[in-house]
């Protein structure tokens, strides 16, 4: 997928993005958690950064972690 289609199932796979889903999983995927809602979010991460505390995990398209 190289351009947005306005279809979340495709757009969540575009490069340089992150997909986060909150709530109940789709039953077709053996989702067992209970929730009244399911919300998908997509965020461009071209210049983004993810950190946990003081540790940077992801920055500008690269993951940083220790095994």
C-alpha atoms as a PDB file:
ATOM      1  CA  UNK A   1       0.000   0.000   0.000  1.00  0.00           C
ATOM      2  CA  UNK A   2       1.603   3.267  -1.070  1.00  0.00           C
ATOM      3  CA  UNK A   3      -1.216   5.814  -0.741  1.00  0.00           C
ATOM      4  CA  UNK A   4      -4.149   6.312   1.599  1.00  0.00           C
ATOM      5  CA  UNK A   5      -7.391   4.622   0.499  1.00  0.00           C
ATOM      6  CA  UNK A   6      -9.668   5.782   3.377  1.00  0.00           C
ATOM      7  CA  UNK A   7     -10.110   2.057   4.173  1.00  0.00           C
ATOM      8  CA  UNK A   8      -8.602   1.486   7.624  1.00  0.00           C
ATOM      9  CA  UNK A   9      -7.776  -2.192   6.951  1.00  0.00           C
ATOM     10  CA  UNK A  10      -5.469  -1.130   4.110  1.00  0.00           C
ATOM     11  CA  UNK A  11      -4.260   2.237   5.403  1.00  0.00           C
ATOM     12  CA  UNK A  12      -2.936   0.768   8.672  1.00  0.00           C
ATOM     13  CA  UNK A  13      -0.256  -0.998   6.623  1.00  0.00           C
ATOM     14  CA  UNK A  14       1.222   2.073   4.904  1.00  0.00           C
ATOM     15  CA  UNK A  15       4.932   2.555   5.541  1.00  0.00           C
ATOM     16  CA  UNK A  16       6.105   5.057   8.155  1.00  0.00           C
ATOM     17  CA  UNK A  17       2.877   4.700  10.148  1.00  0.00           C
ATOM     18  CA  UNK A  18       1.933   3.080  13.428  1.00  0.00           C
ATOM     19  CA  UNK A  19      -1.377   1.314  14.039  1.00  0.00           C
ATOM     20  CA  UNK A  20      -2.954   1.107  17.480  1.00  0.00           C
ATOM     21  CA  UNK A  21      -6.248  -0.650  18.191  1.00  0.00           C
ATOM     22  CA  UNK A  22      -8.133  -0.303  21.472  1.00  0.00           C
ATOM     23  CA  UNK A  23     -11.118  -2.347  22.573  1.00  0.00           C
ATOM     24  CA  UNK A  24     -12.580  -5.631  21.442  1.00  0.00           C
ATOM     25  CA  UNK A  25     -10.727  -7.638  18.805  1.00  0.00           C
ATOM     26  CA  UNK A  26     -12.558  -8.906  15.745  1.00  0.00           C
ATOM     27  CA  UNK A  27     -14.219 -12.276  16.424  1.00  0.00           C
ATOM     28  CA  UNK A  28     -12.763 -13.635  13.161  1.00  0.00           C
ATOM     29  CA  UNK A  29      -9.317 -13.187  14.739  1.00  0.00           C
ATOM     30  CA  UNK A  30     -10.248 -15.237  17.827  1.00  0.00           C
ATOM     31  CA  UNK A  31     -10.633 -12.081  19.910  1.00  0.00           C
ATOM     32  CA  UNK A  32     -11.646 -12.988  23.461  1.00  0.00           C
ATOM     33  CA  UNK A  33     -11.396  -9.655  25.265  1.00  0.00           C
ATOM     34  CA  UNK A  34     -14.677  -7.915  26.164  1.00  0.00           C
ATOM     35  CA  UNK A  35     -15.343  -4.280  25.282  1.00  0.00           C
ATOM     36  CA  UNK A  36     -18.281  -2.267  24.000  1.00  0.00           C
ATOM     37  CA  UNK A  37     -16.129  -0.614  21.321  1.00  0.00           C
ATOM     38  CA  UNK A  38     -13.212  -1.139  18.955  1.00  0.00           C
ATOM     39  CA  UNK A  39     -11.213   1.907  17.840  1.00  0.00           C
ATOM     40  CA  UNK A  40      -8.388   1.899  15.280  1.00  0.00           C
ATOM     41  CA  UNK A  41      -5.887   4.731  15.100  1.00  0.00           C
ATOM     42  CA  UNK A  42      -3.192   5.417  12.526  1.00  0.00           C
ATOM     43  CA  UNK A  43      -0.401   7.935  13.044  1.00  0.00           C
ATOM     44  CA  UNK A  44       2.347   8.919  10.654  1.00  0.00           C
ATOM     45  CA  UNK A  45       5.747   8.330  12.234  1.00  0.00           C
ATOM     46  CA  UNK A  46       8.040   9.933   9.647  1.00  0.00           C
ATOM     47  CA  UNK A  47       9.439  12.281  12.293  1.00  0.00           C
ATOM     48  CA  UNK A  48       7.892  10.441  15.243  1.00  0.00           C
ATOM     49  CA  UNK A  49       9.417   8.963  18.363  1.00  0.00           C
ATOM     50  CA  UNK A  50       8.260   6.359  20.895  1.00  0.00           C
ATOM     51  CA  UNK A  51       9.831   6.140  24.333  1.00  0.00           C
ATOM     52  CA  UNK A  52       9.285   4.330  27.603  1.00  0.00           C
ATOM     53  CA  UNK A  53      10.525   6.424  30.473  1.00  0.00           C
ATOM     54  CA  UNK A  54      13.897   7.790  29.392  1.00  0.00           C
ATOM     55  CA  UNK A  55      14.534   5.017  26.834  1.00  0.00           C
ATOM     56  CA  UNK A  56      13.872   5.744  23.139  1.00  0.00           C
ATOM     57  CA  UNK A  57      12.384   2.668  21.454  1.00  0.00           C
ATOM     58  CA  UNK A  58      11.613   4.081  17.998  1.00  0.00           C
ATOM     59  CA  UNK A  59      12.764   7.264  16.267  1.00  0.00           C
ATOM     60  CA  UNK A  60      12.473   8.463  12.645  1.00  0.00           C
ATOM     61  CA  UNK A  61      11.852   5.032  11.139  1.00  0.00           C
ATOM     62  CA  UNK A  62      14.319   3.016  13.236  1.00  0.00           C
ATOM     63  CA  UNK A  63      13.802   0.758  16.248  1.00  0.00           C
ATOM     64  CA  UNK A  64      16.268   0.811  19.155  1.00  0.00           C
ATOM     65  CA  UNK A  65      16.272  -2.071  21.617  1.00  0.00           C
ATOM     66  CA  UNK A  66      18.582  -4.433  23.428  1.00  0.00           C
ATOM     67  CA  UNK A  67      18.138  -8.200  23.472  1.00  0.00           C
END
